[in-house]
Protein backbone atom coordinates (compact mmCIF):
# COMPACT_ATOMS: atom_id res chain seq x y z
CA MET A 1 60.47 20.15 -27.82
CA SER A 2 58.66 23.43 -28.52
CA PHE A 3 58.56 25.32 -31.80
CA VAL A 4 58.35 29.05 -32.43
CA LYS A 5 55.01 29.80 -34.06
CA ILE A 6 55.11 31.95 -37.19
CA PRO A 7 51.51 32.04 -38.51
CA LEU A 8 52.35 32.65 -42.18
CA LEU A 9 55.08 30.01 -42.30
CA ASP A 10 52.97 27.53 -40.34
CA GLY A 11 50.22 28.20 -42.88
CA VAL A 12 52.59 27.37 -45.73
CA LEU A 13 53.50 24.10 -44.02
CA ALA A 14 49.83 23.26 -43.51
CA GLY A 15 49.27 23.93 -47.21
CA LEU A 16 52.16 21.60 -48.00
CA MET A 17 50.64 18.77 -45.94
CA VAL A 18 47.20 19.23 -47.52
CA SER A 19 48.86 19.16 -50.95
CA ILE A 20 50.53 15.86 -50.13
CA GLY A 21 47.15 14.49 -49.06
CA GLY A 22 45.60 15.83 -52.27
CA ALA A 23 48.29 14.25 -54.41
CA GLU A 24 47.69 10.92 -52.70
CA LEU A 25 43.95 11.20 -53.29
CA LEU A 26 44.39 12.00 -56.99
CA SER A 27 46.82 9.10 -57.39
CA CYS A 28 44.91 6.45 -55.46
CA GLU A 29 42.76 4.11 -57.55
CA ASN A 30 40.65 3.03 -54.57
CA ARG A 31 38.50 6.02 -53.58
CA ILE A 32 37.80 4.76 -50.06
CA ALA A 33 41.47 4.05 -49.35
CA GLY A 34 42.39 7.43 -50.79
CA ALA A 35 39.88 9.20 -48.57
CA VAL A 36 41.16 7.45 -45.45
CA LEU A 37 44.82 8.08 -46.27
CA PHE A 38 44.12 11.78 -46.85
CA SER A 39 43.75 11.95 -43.06
CA VAL A 40 47.56 11.98 -42.81
CA ALA A 41 47.43 15.66 -43.76
CA LEU A 42 45.28 16.79 -40.81
CA LEU A 43 47.01 14.37 -38.44
CA ALA A 44 50.39 15.95 -39.25
CA ILE A 45 48.94 19.47 -39.05
CA CYS A 46 47.44 18.83 -35.61
CA TYR A 47 50.51 17.08 -34.21
CA PHE A 48 52.93 19.75 -35.48
CA GLY A 49 50.56 22.61 -34.67
CA PHE A 50 50.59 24.00 -38.21
CA ASN A 51 48.21 26.80 -39.17
CA LEU A 52 45.31 25.44 -41.26
CA TYR A 53 42.54 27.97 -41.87
CA THR A 54 39.74 25.41 -41.99
CA GLY A 55 40.94 23.92 -38.72
CA LYS A 56 41.01 27.28 -36.91
CA VAL A 57 38.20 29.46 -38.23
CA GLY A 58 35.52 27.71 -36.17
CA PHE A 59 37.35 28.58 -32.95
CA LEU A 60 37.27 32.33 -33.56
CA LEU A 61 34.07 32.59 -31.50
CA ARG A 62 36.01 31.26 -28.54
CA SER A 63 39.03 33.50 -29.02
CA HIS A 64 38.56 36.41 -31.39
CA SER A 65 41.37 38.66 -30.28
CA LYS A 66 43.23 40.70 -32.90
CA ALA A 67 46.16 38.32 -32.55
CA GLU A 68 43.99 35.24 -33.18
CA LEU A 69 42.20 36.87 -36.11
CA SER A 70 45.53 37.88 -37.61
CA SER A 71 46.97 34.40 -37.09
CA THR A 72 43.96 32.72 -38.70
CA PHE A 73 43.95 34.87 -41.83
CA LEU A 74 47.73 34.82 -42.16
CA GLY A 75 47.28 31.06 -42.03
CA LEU A 76 44.87 31.26 -44.98
CA LEU A 77 47.42 33.28 -46.95
CA GLY A 78 50.12 30.76 -46.01
CA ASN A 79 47.82 27.89 -47.02
CA LEU A 80 47.40 29.52 -50.44
CA LEU A 81 51.14 29.98 -50.88
CA GLY A 82 51.89 26.44 -49.70
CA THR A 83 49.37 24.83 -52.04
CA LEU A 84 50.47 27.01 -54.95
CA ILE A 85 54.12 26.03 -54.57
CA ALA A 86 53.40 22.37 -53.81
CA GLY A 87 50.93 22.12 -56.68
CA LEU A 88 53.50 23.35 -59.17
CA LEU A 89 56.23 21.09 -57.84
CA ILE A 90 54.08 17.95 -57.55
CA ALA A 91 52.64 18.43 -61.05
CA ALA A 92 56.19 18.78 -62.41
CA ALA A 93 57.27 15.61 -60.60
CA LEU A 94 54.15 13.62 -61.55
CA PRO A 95 52.83 14.77 -64.97
CA ALA A 96 49.98 12.25 -64.92
CA LEU A 97 48.71 13.85 -61.74
CA ARG A 98 48.24 17.16 -63.60
CA GLU A 99 45.69 15.48 -65.87
CA ALA A 100 43.84 14.01 -62.90
CA ALA A 101 43.80 17.43 -61.22
CA LEU A 102 42.53 19.09 -64.39
CA THR A 103 39.65 16.63 -64.64
CA ALA A 104 38.78 17.17 -60.97
CA CYS A 105 38.84 20.95 -61.36
CA GLU A 106 36.69 20.95 -64.49
CA LYS A 107 34.04 18.99 -62.60
CA ARG A 108 34.20 21.51 -59.77
CA LEU A 109 33.78 24.47 -62.10
CA ALA A 110 30.67 22.84 -63.55
CA GLN A 111 28.92 23.13 -60.17
CA LEU A 112 26.36 25.83 -59.51
CA PRO A 113 27.60 28.54 -57.09
CA LEU A 114 25.06 27.51 -54.43
CA GLN A 115 26.18 23.89 -54.70
CA THR A 116 29.78 24.95 -54.18
CA LEU A 117 28.88 27.10 -51.17
CA LEU A 118 26.85 24.31 -49.56
CA ARG A 119 29.51 21.67 -50.21
CA GLY A 120 32.01 23.99 -48.54
CA PHE A 121 29.63 24.52 -45.61
CA PHE A 122 29.26 20.83 -44.79
CA CYS A 123 33.02 20.28 -45.10
CA GLY A 124 33.50 23.16 -42.64
CA VAL A 125 31.19 21.47 -40.13
CA LEU A 126 33.22 18.27 -40.37
CA MET A 127 36.57 20.06 -40.13
CA TYR A 128 35.50 21.86 -36.96
CA THR A 129 34.23 18.58 -35.53
CA ALA A 130 37.49 16.76 -36.30
CA VAL A 131 39.70 19.44 -34.74
CA TRP A 132 37.39 19.95 -31.74
CA ILE A 133 37.54 16.24 -30.90
CA TYR A 134 41.33 16.31 -31.25
CA ARG A 135 41.65 19.38 -29.01
CA GLU A 136 39.04 18.64 -26.38
CA LYS A 137 39.00 14.84 -26.23
CA LYS A 138 42.68 14.24 -27.10
CA SER A 139 41.54 11.77 -29.74
CA ILE A 140 42.31 11.37 -33.44
CA SER A 141 39.01 9.59 -34.05
CA GLY A 142 37.39 12.76 -35.39
CA ILE A 143 40.18 13.18 -37.93
CA VAL A 144 40.18 9.54 -39.00
CA PHE A 145 36.41 9.55 -39.60
CA CYS A 146 35.52 13.13 -40.56
CA ILE A 147 38.12 13.46 -43.31
CA PRO A 148 36.95 10.38 -45.28
CA VAL A 149 33.33 11.44 -44.75
CA PHE A 150 33.80 14.86 -46.34
CA ILE A 151 35.75 13.40 -49.26
CA LEU A 152 33.39 10.51 -49.97
CA SER A 153 30.38 12.83 -49.62
CA GLY A 154 31.75 15.18 -52.27
CA PHE A 155 32.07 18.17 -49.95
CA GLU A 156 34.60 20.89 -50.80
CA HIS A 157 37.71 21.77 -48.78
CA SER A 158 39.10 25.14 -49.84
CA ILE A 159 42.76 24.40 -49.16
CA ALA A 160 42.67 21.05 -50.95
CA ASP A 161 40.92 22.77 -53.86
CA MET A 162 43.70 25.39 -53.97
CA PHE A 163 46.14 22.52 -54.48
CA TYR A 164 44.04 20.89 -57.21
CA PHE A 165 43.79 24.13 -59.20
CA SER A 166 47.50 24.80 -58.78
CA ALA A 167 48.43 21.27 -59.88
CA ALA A 168 46.07 21.59 -62.86
CA GLY A 169 47.54 24.96 -63.82
CA LEU A 170 44.10 26.57 -63.80
CA TYR A 171 44.44 30.22 -62.84
CA SER A 172 41.36 32.16 -63.88
CA VAL A 173 38.63 34.42 -62.54
CA ARG A 174 36.28 31.41 -62.43
CA SER A 175 38.80 29.45 -60.38
CA PHE A 176 39.28 32.39 -58.01
CA VAL A 177 35.52 32.83 -57.50
CA PHE A 178 35.14 29.09 -56.91
CA ILE A 179 37.82 29.12 -54.21
CA LEU A 180 36.26 32.19 -52.56
CA LEU A 181 32.90 30.43 -52.40
CA VAL A 182 34.45 27.35 -50.82
CA VAL A 183 36.38 29.47 -48.30
CA LEU A 184 33.11 31.22 -47.37
CA GLY A 185 31.29 27.90 -47.10
CA ASN A 186 34.05 26.36 -44.98
CA SER A 187 33.99 29.43 -42.72
CA LEU A 188 30.23 29.37 -42.21
CA GLY A 189 30.29 25.61 -41.63
CA GLY A 190 33.14 25.86 -39.16
CA LEU A 191 31.31 28.56 -37.21
CA CYS A 192 27.93 26.79 -37.28
CA ILE A 193 28.25 24.48 -34.25
CA PRO A 194 30.06 26.97 -31.96
CA ALA A 195 27.55 29.70 -32.90
CA VAL A 196 24.59 27.50 -31.95
CA GLN A 197 26.33 26.43 -28.74
CA ALA A 198 27.01 30.07 -27.89
CA LEU A 199 23.33 30.91 -28.41
CA LYS A 200 22.45 28.05 -26.06
CA GLY A 201 24.83 29.49 -23.48
CA GLU A 202 27.26 26.57 -23.60
CA GLN A 203 30.85 27.38 -22.71
CA ASN A 204 32.63 24.39 -24.24
CA ILE A 205 32.89 25.54 -27.86
C-alpha cells in the first residue's frame, strides 16, 4: 500500500513520533532501557516514510534539487509543529512529565553555546549513520544502536529538544537560540560523512 507524500504533514507525523519517544524517555526510570526504547520513534518514521529533518539533511549532497530542499525544510517546519502540539497535549495528559521536561530543559540551557553545537554535531553524525544503514543495507541495526548511543552520550537531537521545551512550556529567546544551535549542529553532523566521501570521490553517500 502506497501513501501520498505531503512533506509538511509527514513532518508533523515525524514530530509526533519523536515526541512519543521523548515522553517515554522522560518517564522511564532506567536510562538504558529508555534510550533503547526511544528507537521506536525512528523505526516508525523510517517504516512509514515520515519526514524527519535530522534523518534527511545528510542526504542533500546526494540529491539537492529544489524539490528535495523544499521537502527537507518543510519537514523541519512540520517537525516543529508536531512537537509543539504533541508537547502541549502530552504535558496536559501527564503533568508529572512537565516537571521532568522542565528539569531537562534547564540543564540544556546551562550548556555553553559551543557545547550545544558540538553535541548536536555528533548526534547528526549518528542520525545520518542510522538512516544510511536502514536505506542502503535494509537493516534496522543502525537505528537500534545509534539512537541509544546518542542519548546515553548526552548528544542533542533538535526535534526531541523541541518536544522537551514544548512539554516544559519554555518559550523564550534562549530556548529558540538553543534549538537553532542544535539544528545547525545536527545539520553539520549529518553532512559530515557524505561531504568527506564526496571529497574522496565515493559515489555511495
